């Protein structure tokens, strides 16, 4: 039954995504976009990436084939896995791939126009010529999606009961690994835009999110019942069990804060807070942590350290007066209307870093309110399935992992969507499974496979399978 249900919804999604890839090509043909860019270094032919029928058909067919093969494998290896997770993952990653393929040529073209205009006014100016990199974004993103599908299958096969048991027994190791990884990145990582966030091409904080998830699940499995019981015995008893959790919380956050990567810091903070409440932490203690967070944010804003906090809040309070970028975001969002401008017919490429920070805005402009709502509903379905898996899972460790995956994915999506709507300050995060970012894409596919493995073991006795 689950096999047929998953295939039914997956086929619907794959058909829509396949035609989306074709629409990317047809929109460029309709508007007569030239596949050759006349740059200062000579002409660059970018047609092999996406501007001919062959690549777009190839992308669509390869995407469909990858997810169908993943479906067949998962239904054999994990026949009881939740049937809604794979279709949702296909929808989110497919829409993201379509938007990146659609944006790439015009990002490259607009960058080229900006360089030519600058050099015409200032012939001696030195500029970074990243035109070819921008032209290849869609292709590179698609490679990450296919690699993510493979990683999802591998992670589903990797997490046996023995591996889950090993994960739960090494809870403090994950905190040490995360701190070590951030410190090594600070020392030896690649500096981009003034910050060292990448180590060997991988954004290390994405791995830290998973490490913290493993730590939290292991701690709840080991001490969850004791934390709940300690709440009834006074503050001293509560501190004896909850204290180490709070200490590890701070220990894991400090290196990321020092790294000035505030978006992931906030996500991990919320992950700890919500999972601590899930473990039995009293509501009053959770409220205290929330109030402390608000107070720290106010102090940070008032004293201007780190400066990015004050800058982001000022932009939020006056987007049209303080940020041309956010003004473009709001105009782009509003121009989409109910059904959107059509794939390839909007101008989201005019927004800086639209491929990573404002992918939801691009979707809303070209697919309209309907497209944006579909993305929100896809995340809602994914969160509902996490909740359902938590209710059906008997093992406390796997139950905590499923809850943590739901919190991690939901909080990040919530922050990014509200940031794009200019409701909260924009953070340096990606929209899970949608935005450009190889590290984020691979990690999100990895935890999707982990979630499917947990759902496939939900309700089974410890001795089964």
Protein backbone atom coordinates (compact mmCIF):
# COMPACT_ATOMS: atom_id res chain seq x y z
CA UNK A 1 0.00 0.00 0.00
CA UNK A 2 2.77 2.44 0.96
CA UNK A 3 4.70 1.54 -2.18
CA UNK A 4 1.74 2.43 -4.43
CA UNK A 5 0.92 5.59 -2.49
CA UNK A 6 4.47 6.93 -2.71
CA UNK A 7 4.73 6.12 -6.43
CA UNK A 8 1.40 7.85 -7.13
CA UNK A 9 2.42 11.15 -5.56
CA UNK A 10 6.00 10.90 -6.78
CA UNK A 11 4.88 10.53 -10.40
CA UNK A 12 2.66 13.60 -10.14
CA UNK A 13 5.58 15.63 -8.77
CA UNK A 14 8.07 14.31 -11.34
CA UNK A 15 5.77 15.10 -14.26
CA UNK A 16 5.37 18.70 -13.05
CA UNK A 17 9.11 19.09 -12.49
CA UNK A 18 9.95 17.63 -15.92
CA UNK A 19 7.71 20.17 -17.66
CA UNK A 20 9.25 22.87 -15.47
CA UNK A 21 12.67 22.08 -16.92
CA UNK A 22 11.24 22.38 -20.43
CA UNK A 23 9.64 25.72 -19.56
CA UNK A 24 13.08 27.06 -18.67
CA UNK A 25 14.24 26.41 -22.22
CA UNK A 26 11.05 27.64 -23.92
CA UNK A 27 11.13 30.94 -22.02
CA UNK A 28 14.66 31.70 -23.24
CA UNK A 29 13.75 30.79 -26.83
CA UNK A 30 10.64 32.96 -26.64
CA UNK A 31 12.65 35.97 -25.45
CA UNK A 32 15.55 35.37 -27.82
CA UNK A 33 18.24 35.14 -25.14
CA UNK A 34 21.67 34.88 -26.76
CA UNK A 35 23.72 31.87 -25.66
CA UNK A 36 26.96 33.81 -26.27
CA UNK A 37 28.11 36.51 -23.87
CA UNK A 38 30.43 39.24 -25.20
CA UNK A 39 32.81 39.77 -22.30
CA UNK A 40 36.00 41.77 -21.85
CA UNK A 41 37.96 38.54 -22.15
CA UNK A 42 36.22 37.50 -25.36
CA UNK A 43 32.98 35.65 -26.15
CA UNK A 44 31.74 32.93 -23.78
CA UNK A 45 29.37 30.27 -25.13
CA UNK A 46 27.10 29.10 -22.32
CA UNK A 47 24.68 27.09 -24.46
CA UNK A 48 26.08 23.75 -23.29
CA UNK A 49 24.82 24.45 -19.77
CA UNK A 50 21.10 25.05 -20.35
CA UNK A 51 20.19 27.08 -23.45
CA UNK A 52 19.57 24.25 -25.93
CA UNK A 53 16.84 21.56 -25.91
CA UNK A 54 19.28 18.76 -25.18
CA UNK A 55 20.57 19.92 -21.78
CA UNK A 56 17.11 20.81 -20.51
CA UNK A 57 15.64 17.50 -21.63
CA UNK A 58 18.63 15.77 -20.11
CA UNK A 59 18.19 17.56 -16.79
CA UNK A 60 14.51 16.68 -16.66
CA UNK A 61 14.94 13.03 -17.65
CA UNK A 62 17.92 12.54 -15.33
CA UNK A 63 16.01 14.09 -12.43
CA UNK A 64 13.01 11.81 -13.03
CA UNK A 65 15.22 8.72 -13.41
CA UNK A 66 17.19 9.49 -10.22
CA UNK A 67 14.08 9.76 -8.05
CA UNK A 68 12.38 6.74 -9.60
CA UNK A 69 15.45 4.61 -8.94
CA UNK A 70 15.60 5.97 -5.40
CA UNK A 71 11.94 5.02 -4.96
CA UNK A 72 12.54 1.47 -6.18
CA UNK A 73 15.56 1.00 -3.94
CA UNK A 74 13.92 2.47 -0.85
CA UNK A 75 10.77 0.41 -1.27
CA UNK A 76 12.91 -2.73 -1.31
CA UNK A 77 15.31 -1.77 1.48
CA UNK A 78 12.86 0.14 3.69
CA UNK A 79 9.38 -1.03 2.61
CA UNK A 80 7.65 0.56 5.61
CA UNK A 81 9.18 4.02 5.14
CA UNK A 82 6.82 6.96 5.16
CA UNK A 83 5.39 7.34 1.61
CA UNK A 84 5.17 11.16 1.63
CA UNK A 85 8.77 12.12 2.38
CA UNK A 86 10.29 11.26 -1.01
CA UNK A 87 7.63 13.14 -3.07
CA UNK A 88 8.08 16.24 -0.88
CA UNK A 89 11.87 16.07 -1.22
CA UNK A 90 11.48 15.71 -5.00
CA UNK A 91 9.14 18.72 -5.18
CA UNK A 92 11.36 21.04 -3.14
CA UNK A 93 14.63 20.03 -4.81
CA UNK A 94 13.01 20.05 -8.26
CA UNK A 95 11.64 23.59 -7.91
CA UNK A 96 15.03 24.73 -6.63
CA UNK A 97 16.82 23.16 -9.60
CA UNK A 98 14.39 24.75 -12.06
CA UNK A 99 14.90 28.20 -10.55
CA UNK A 100 18.71 27.89 -10.54
CA UNK A 101 18.79 26.77 -14.17
CA UNK A 102 16.49 29.62 -15.06
CA UNK A 103 18.50 32.24 -13.11
CA UNK A 104 22.02 31.22 -14.14
CA UNK A 105 22.23 32.77 -17.64
CA UNK A 106 20.70 36.07 -16.58
CA UNK A 107 22.85 36.27 -13.45
CA UNK A 108 25.87 35.84 -15.72
CA UNK A 109 24.53 38.32 -18.27
CA UNK A 110 23.67 40.99 -15.69
CA UNK A 111 27.09 40.57 -14.08
CA UNK A 112 28.72 40.96 -17.50
CA UNK A 113 26.70 44.12 -18.21
CA UNK A 114 27.71 45.56 -14.84
CA UNK A 115 31.40 44.88 -15.53
CA UNK A 116 31.25 46.42 -19.02
CA UNK A 117 29.45 49.49 -17.68
CA UNK A 118 32.00 49.95 -14.88
CA UNK A 119 34.98 49.55 -17.22
CA UNK A 120 33.50 52.05 -19.66
CA UNK A 121 33.45 54.65 -16.88
CA UNK A 122 36.66 53.56 -15.16
CA UNK A 123 38.97 51.70 -17.58
CA UNK A 124 41.59 51.09 -14.89
CA UNK A 125 39.15 49.52 -12.41
CA UNK A 126 39.83 45.99 -11.17
CA UNK A 127 36.78 43.73 -10.95
CA UNK A 128 36.17 40.07 -10.18
CA UNK A 129 35.16 38.30 -13.38
CA UNK A 130 32.89 35.51 -12.09
CA UNK A 131 30.68 35.41 -15.17
CA UNK A 132 31.41 31.80 -16.04
CA UNK A 133 30.86 30.72 -12.42
CA UNK A 134 27.42 32.35 -12.43
CA UNK A 135 26.59 30.74 -15.77
CA UNK A 136 27.40 27.33 -14.30
CA UNK A 137 25.38 27.74 -11.08
CA UNK A 138 22.37 25.83 -12.37
CA UNK A 139 24.47 22.96 -13.66
CA UNK A 140 26.46 22.75 -10.43
CA UNK A 141 23.30 22.89 -8.35
CA UNK A 142 21.80 20.06 -10.39
CA UNK A 143 24.91 17.95 -9.75
CA UNK A 144 24.50 18.56 -6.02
CA UNK A 145 20.85 17.48 -6.22
CA UNK A 146 21.73 14.20 -7.91
CA UNK A 147 24.59 13.63 -5.46
CA UNK A 148 22.10 14.36 -2.68
CA UNK A 149 19.71 11.70 -3.95
CA UNK A 150 22.56 9.19 -3.88
CA UNK A 151 23.54 10.31 -0.37
CA UNK A 152 19.92 9.96 0.77
CA UNK A 153 19.88 6.35 -0.40
CA UNK A 154 23.23 5.68 1.28
CA UNK A 155 22.12 7.22 4.59
CA UNK A 156 18.93 5.17 4.53
CA UNK A 157 21.02 2.02 4.19
CA UNK A 158 23.66 3.16 6.66
CA UNK A 159 21.53 3.68 9.76
CA UNK A 160 20.87 0.20 11.08
CA UNK A 161 19.80 -0.47 14.68
CA UNK A 162 23.42 -1.08 15.62
CA UNK A 163 24.45 2.30 14.19
CA UNK A 164 21.62 4.05 16.04
CA UNK A 165 22.79 2.41 19.26
CA UNK A 166 26.35 3.57 18.62
CA UNK A 167 25.17 7.13 17.91
CA UNK A 168 23.28 7.34 21.20
CA UNK A 169 26.30 6.16 23.20
CA UNK A 170 28.70 8.81 21.84
CA UNK A 171 26.68 11.92 22.64
CA UNK A 172 29.53 14.11 24.00
CA UNK A 173 31.80 13.16 21.10
CA UNK A 174 29.49 15.04 18.74
CA UNK A 175 29.87 18.28 20.71
CA UNK A 176 33.66 17.95 20.71
CA UNK A 177 33.67 17.20 16.98
CA UNK A 178 31.52 20.22 16.19
CA UNK A 179 33.70 22.59 18.24
CA UNK A 180 36.88 21.12 16.72
CA UNK A 181 35.49 21.43 13.21
CA UNK A 182 34.62 25.11 13.68
CA UNK A 183 38.01 25.88 15.26
CA UNK A 184 39.87 24.13 12.43
CA UNK A 185 37.78 26.10 9.93
CA UNK A 186 38.63 29.36 11.71
CA UNK A 187 42.32 28.48 11.52
CA UNK A 188 42.69 26.84 8.11
CA UNK A 189 39.42 27.51 6.26
CA UNK A 190 38.88 29.52 3.09
CA UNK A 191 38.07 33.20 3.59
CA UNK A 192 35.12 34.49 1.55
CA UNK A 193 33.60 37.94 2.12
CA UNK A 194 35.77 38.43 5.19
CA UNK A 195 34.71 35.24 7.00
CA UNK A 196 36.19 31.75 7.19
CA UNK A 197 33.20 29.43 6.87
CA UNK A 198 34.44 26.86 4.35
CA UNK A 199 36.84 23.97 4.84
CA UNK A 200 37.90 22.15 1.65
CA UNK A 201 34.88 23.62 -0.14
CA UNK A 202 32.41 22.45 2.52
CA UNK A 203 30.59 24.83 4.86
CA UNK A 204 31.49 23.27 8.19
CA UNK A 205 28.52 24.61 10.13
CA UNK A 206 26.20 22.37 8.08
CA UNK A 207 27.92 19.31 9.55
CA UNK A 208 27.75 20.93 12.99
CA UNK A 209 23.95 21.00 12.73
CA UNK A 210 23.91 17.22 12.27
CA UNK A 211 26.43 16.68 15.09
CA UNK A 212 24.25 18.74 17.43
CA UNK A 213 21.22 16.74 16.37
CA UNK A 214 23.04 13.53 17.28
CA UNK A 215 24.12 14.97 20.64
CA UNK A 216 20.62 16.19 21.56
CA UNK A 217 18.98 12.89 20.63
CA UNK A 218 21.61 10.93 22.57
CA UNK A 219 21.25 13.13 25.65
CA UNK A 220 17.46 12.93 25.63
CA UNK A 221 17.67 9.17 25.25
CA UNK A 222 20.09 8.91 28.17
CA UNK A 223 18.70 11.57 30.51
CA UNK A 224 15.25 12.52 29.22
CA UNK A 225 13.26 10.60 31.80
CA UNK A 226 15.50 11.88 34.61
CA UNK A 227 15.05 15.49 33.47
CA UNK A 228 11.28 15.05 33.57
CA UNK A 229 11.38 13.51 37.05
CA UNK A 230 13.86 16.10 38.33
CA UNK A 231 11.43 18.90 37.49
CA UNK A 232 9.28 17.71 40.38
CA UNK A 233 12.18 17.67 42.88
CA UNK A 234 13.37 21.28 42.82
CA UNK A 235 15.97 23.36 41.06
CA UNK A 236 19.00 21.53 42.50
CA UNK A 237 17.83 18.17 41.21
CA UNK A 238 16.94 19.69 37.85
CA UNK A 239 20.40 21.25 37.48
CA UNK A 240 22.12 17.93 38.16
CA UNK A 241 20.51 16.44 35.06
CA UNK A 242 19.77 19.45 32.85
CA UNK A 243 22.96 21.36 33.69
CA UNK A 244 25.29 19.35 31.43
CA UNK A 245 22.85 19.83 28.56
CA UNK A 246 22.92 23.60 29.01
CA UNK A 247 26.73 23.62 29.29
CA UNK A 248 27.10 21.65 26.06
CA UNK A 249 24.61 24.01 24.49
CA UNK A 250 26.83 26.99 25.22
CA UNK A 251 30.00 25.08 24.36
CA UNK A 252 28.67 24.31 20.89
CA UNK A 253 27.37 27.82 20.21
CA UNK A 254 30.40 29.89 21.23
CA UNK A 255 32.71 28.82 18.33
CA UNK A 256 29.99 29.51 15.76
CA UNK A 257 29.30 32.92 17.35
CA UNK A 258 33.03 33.73 17.25
CA UNK A 259 32.94 32.71 13.59
CA UNK A 260 30.28 35.45 13.16
CA UNK A 261 27.92 33.02 11.45
CA UNK A 262 24.82 34.23 13.28
CA UNK A 263 22.19 32.50 11.15
CA UNK A 264 23.30 28.92 11.97
CA UNK A 265 23.98 30.01 15.56
CA UNK A 266 20.37 31.06 15.91
CA UNK A 267 19.07 27.87 14.28
CA UNK A 268 21.11 25.63 16.59
CA UNK A 269 20.02 27.73 19.58
CA UNK A 270 16.35 27.21 18.68
CA UNK A 271 17.01 23.52 18.06
CA UNK A 272 18.42 23.13 21.57
CA UNK A 273 15.62 25.17 23.12
CA UNK A 274 12.73 23.33 21.48
CA UNK A 275 14.27 19.90 21.97
CA UNK A 276 14.99 20.72 25.61
CA UNK A 277 11.33 21.57 26.05
CA UNK A 278 10.41 18.35 24.22
CA UNK A 279 12.59 16.40 26.68
CA UNK A 280 10.53 17.63 29.63
CA UNK A 281 12.08 20.97 30.45
CA UNK A 282 9.43 23.04 32.30
CA UNK A 283 7.75 25.85 30.41
CA UNK A 284 9.01 28.45 32.87
CA UNK A 285 12.64 27.50 32.19
CA UNK A 286 12.01 27.63 28.44
CA UNK A 287 10.43 31.08 28.84
CA UNK A 288 13.48 32.27 30.79
CA UNK A 289 15.77 31.18 27.95
CA UNK A 290 13.56 32.99 25.44
CA UNK A 291 13.60 36.19 27.51
CA UNK A 292 17.38 35.97 27.89
CA UNK A 293 17.68 35.62 24.12
CA UNK A 294 15.52 38.70 23.53
CA UNK A 295 17.55 40.64 26.12
CA UNK A 296 20.86 39.61 24.53
CA UNK A 297 19.52 40.63 21.11
CA UNK A 298 18.53 44.04 22.45
CA UNK A 299 21.94 44.57 24.07
CA UNK A 300 23.68 43.48 20.88
CA UNK A 301 21.57 45.94 18.87
CA UNK A 302 22.05 48.79 21.35
CA UNK A 303 25.84 48.44 21.54
CA UNK A 304 26.33 47.48 17.90
CA UNK A 305 28.22 44.25 18.50
CA UNK A 306 28.33 42.32 16.35
CA UNK A 307 27.57 45.11 13.89
CA UNK A 308 25.63 42.81 11.57
CA UNK A 309 22.81 42.53 14.16
CA UNK A 310 22.23 46.28 14.20
CA UNK A 311 22.49 46.50 10.41
CA UNK A 312 19.93 43.75 9.82
CA UNK A 313 17.40 45.18 12.27
CA UNK A 314 17.76 48.69 10.84
CA UNK A 315 17.08 47.28 7.36
CA UNK A 316 14.04 45.43 8.71
CA UNK A 317 12.63 48.63 10.23
CA UNK A 318 13.22 50.71 7.09
CA UNK A 319 13.85 48.43 4.08
CA UNK A 320 13.19 51.07 1.40
CA UNK A 321 15.32 53.71 3.11
CA UNK A 322 18.29 51.59 4.18
CA UNK A 323 18.61 48.72 1.69
CA UNK A 324 18.20 48.76 -2.06
CA UNK A 325 18.52 44.97 -1.89
CA UNK A 326 15.48 44.53 0.37
CA UNK A 327 13.54 47.10 -1.64
CA UNK A 328 14.11 44.94 -4.72
CA UNK A 329 13.04 41.87 -2.77
CA UNK A 330 9.74 43.46 -1.75
CA UNK A 331 9.01 44.76 -5.25
CA UNK A 332 9.87 41.37 -6.71
CA UNK A 333 7.60 39.59 -4.26
CA UNK A 334 4.72 41.97 -4.96
CA UNK A 335 5.08 41.78 -8.76
CA UNK A 336 4.36 38.04 -8.79
CA UNK A 337 0.68 38.42 -8.06
CA UNK A 338 -1.43 35.30 -7.75
CA UNK A 339 -0.03 33.19 -10.60
CA UNK A 340 3.34 34.84 -11.13
CA UNK A 341 5.14 36.34 -14.10
CA UNK A 342 5.90 32.89 -15.49
CA UNK A 343 9.10 30.86 -15.31
CA UNK A 344 11.76 32.89 -17.10
CA UNK A 345 9.67 36.05 -17.45
CA UNK A 346 10.41 37.80 -14.16
CA UNK A 347 13.48 39.73 -13.06
CA UNK A 348 14.57 38.12 -9.78
CA UNK A 349 18.16 38.01 -11.07
CA UNK A 350 18.37 41.73 -10.23
CA UNK A 351 18.39 40.80 -6.52
CA UNK A 352 21.93 40.21 -5.17
CA UNK A 353 22.61 36.61 -4.04
CA UNK A 354 19.08 35.65 -5.09
CA UNK A 355 20.27 32.07 -5.70
CA UNK A 356 21.02 31.48 -2.02
CA UNK A 357 19.38 34.09 0.21
CA UNK A 358 16.24 34.96 -1.77
CA UNK A 359 15.22 31.83 -3.66
CA UNK A 360 11.73 32.03 -2.12
CA UNK A 361 11.38 35.56 -3.51
CA UNK A 362 12.33 34.31 -6.99
CA UNK A 363 9.72 31.56 -6.74
CA UNK A 364 7.02 34.00 -5.66
CA UNK A 365 7.81 36.42 -8.49
CA UNK A 366 7.76 33.81 -11.26
CA UNK A 367 5.29 31.29 -9.81
CA UNK A 368 3.21 33.75 -7.82
CA UNK A 369 1.29 33.29 -4.62
CA UNK A 370 0.38 29.78 -5.75
CA UNK A 371 4.01 28.76 -6.13
CA UNK A 372 5.01 30.27 -2.80
CA UNK A 373 2.07 28.57 -1.10
CA UNK A 374 3.04 25.22 -2.64
CA UNK A 375 6.51 25.54 -1.13
CA UNK A 376 5.10 26.43 2.30
CA UNK A 377 2.65 23.50 2.13
CA UNK A 378 5.47 21.14 1.14
CA UNK A 379 7.36 22.08 4.30
CA UNK A 380 4.15 21.76 6.29
CA UNK A 381 3.64 18.23 4.97
CA UNK A 382 7.23 17.34 5.83
CA UNK A 383 6.79 18.64 9.38
CA UNK A 384 3.49 16.78 9.76
CA UNK A 385 5.18 13.55 8.67
CA UNK A 386 7.94 14.14 11.23
CA UNK A 387 5.26 14.56 13.90
CA UNK A 388 3.52 11.39 12.74
CA UNK A 389 6.79 9.46 12.81
CA UNK A 390 7.51 10.72 16.34
CA UNK A 391 4.11 9.48 17.51
CA UNK A 392 4.58 6.04 15.92
CA UNK A 393 8.21 5.49 16.97
CA UNK A 394 8.70 3.50 20.16
CA UNK A 395 12.45 3.90 20.62
CA UNK A 396 13.18 7.15 22.50
CA UNK A 397 16.46 7.85 20.65
CA UNK A 398 14.94 7.54 17.18
CA UNK A 399 11.89 9.46 18.38
CA UNK A 400 14.14 12.34 19.45
CA UNK A 401 16.04 12.21 16.14
CA UNK A 402 12.80 12.46 14.14
CA UNK A 403 11.63 15.37 16.29
CA UNK A 404 15.00 17.08 15.87
CA UNK A 405 14.92 16.71 12.09
CA UNK A 406 11.47 18.29 12.03
CA UNK A 407 12.63 21.19 14.22
CA UNK A 408 15.87 21.72 12.27
CA UNK A 409 14.17 21.75 8.87
CA UNK A 410 11.10 23.67 9.99
CA UNK A 411 12.97 26.40 11.85
CA UNK A 412 15.37 27.02 8.98
CA UNK A 413 12.55 27.14 6.41
CA UNK A 414 10.48 29.38 8.70
CA UNK A 415 13.36 31.83 9.20
CA UNK A 416 14.18 32.02 5.49
CA UNK A 417 10.58 32.47 4.33
CA UNK A 418 9.84 35.18 6.92
CA UNK A 419 13.16 36.84 6.09
CA UNK A 420 12.21 36.96 2.41
CA UNK A 421 8.87 38.48 3.40
CA UNK A 422 10.77 41.11 5.46
CA UNK A 423 9.02 40.04 8.66
CA UNK A 424 12.28 39.19 10.46
CA UNK A 425 15.91 40.11 9.66
CA UNK A 426 17.55 38.17 6.85
CA UNK A 427 20.11 35.60 7.98
CA UNK A 428 22.92 33.78 6.19
CA UNK A 429 20.93 30.56 5.75
CA UNK A 430 19.55 28.61 2.82
CA UNK A 431 16.01 27.43 2.16
CA UNK A 432 16.32 23.66 2.76
CA UNK A 433 16.47 21.60 -0.47
CA UNK A 434 15.69 24.69 -2.58
CA UNK A 435 18.46 27.30 -2.38
CA UNK A 436 21.89 27.07 -3.97
CA UNK A 437 24.51 25.64 -1.63
CA UNK A 438 26.17 22.27 -2.02
CA UNK A 439 26.90 21.72 1.68
CA UNK A 440 23.34 22.51 2.71
CA UNK A 441 21.85 20.43 -0.11
CA UNK A 442 23.87 17.32 0.75
CA UNK A 443 23.14 17.60 4.48
CA UNK A 444 19.40 18.01 3.91
CA UNK A 445 19.27 14.95 1.65
CA UNK A 446 21.28 13.07 4.28
CA UNK A 447 18.80 13.81 7.06
CA UNK A 448 15.90 13.03 4.71
CA UNK A 449 17.33 9.54 4.29
CA UNK A 450 17.79 9.29 8.05
CA UNK A 451 14.15 10.26 8.55
CA UNK A 452 12.97 7.61 6.10
CA UNK A 453 15.01 4.96 7.91
CA UNK A 454 13.46 5.99 11.24
CA UNK A 455 9.95 5.91 9.75
CA UNK A 456 10.64 2.44 8.35
CA UNK A 457 11.46 1.18 11.86
CA UNK A 458 8.64 3.01 13.65
CA UNK A 459 6.42 0.77 15.73
CA UNK A 460 8.68 -2.26 15.39
CA UNK A 461 10.03 -4.07 18.40
CA UNK A 462 13.71 -3.71 19.20
CA UNK A 463 14.41 -7.22 18.08
CA UNK A 464 12.86 -6.80 14.65
CA UNK A 465 14.86 -6.07 11.47
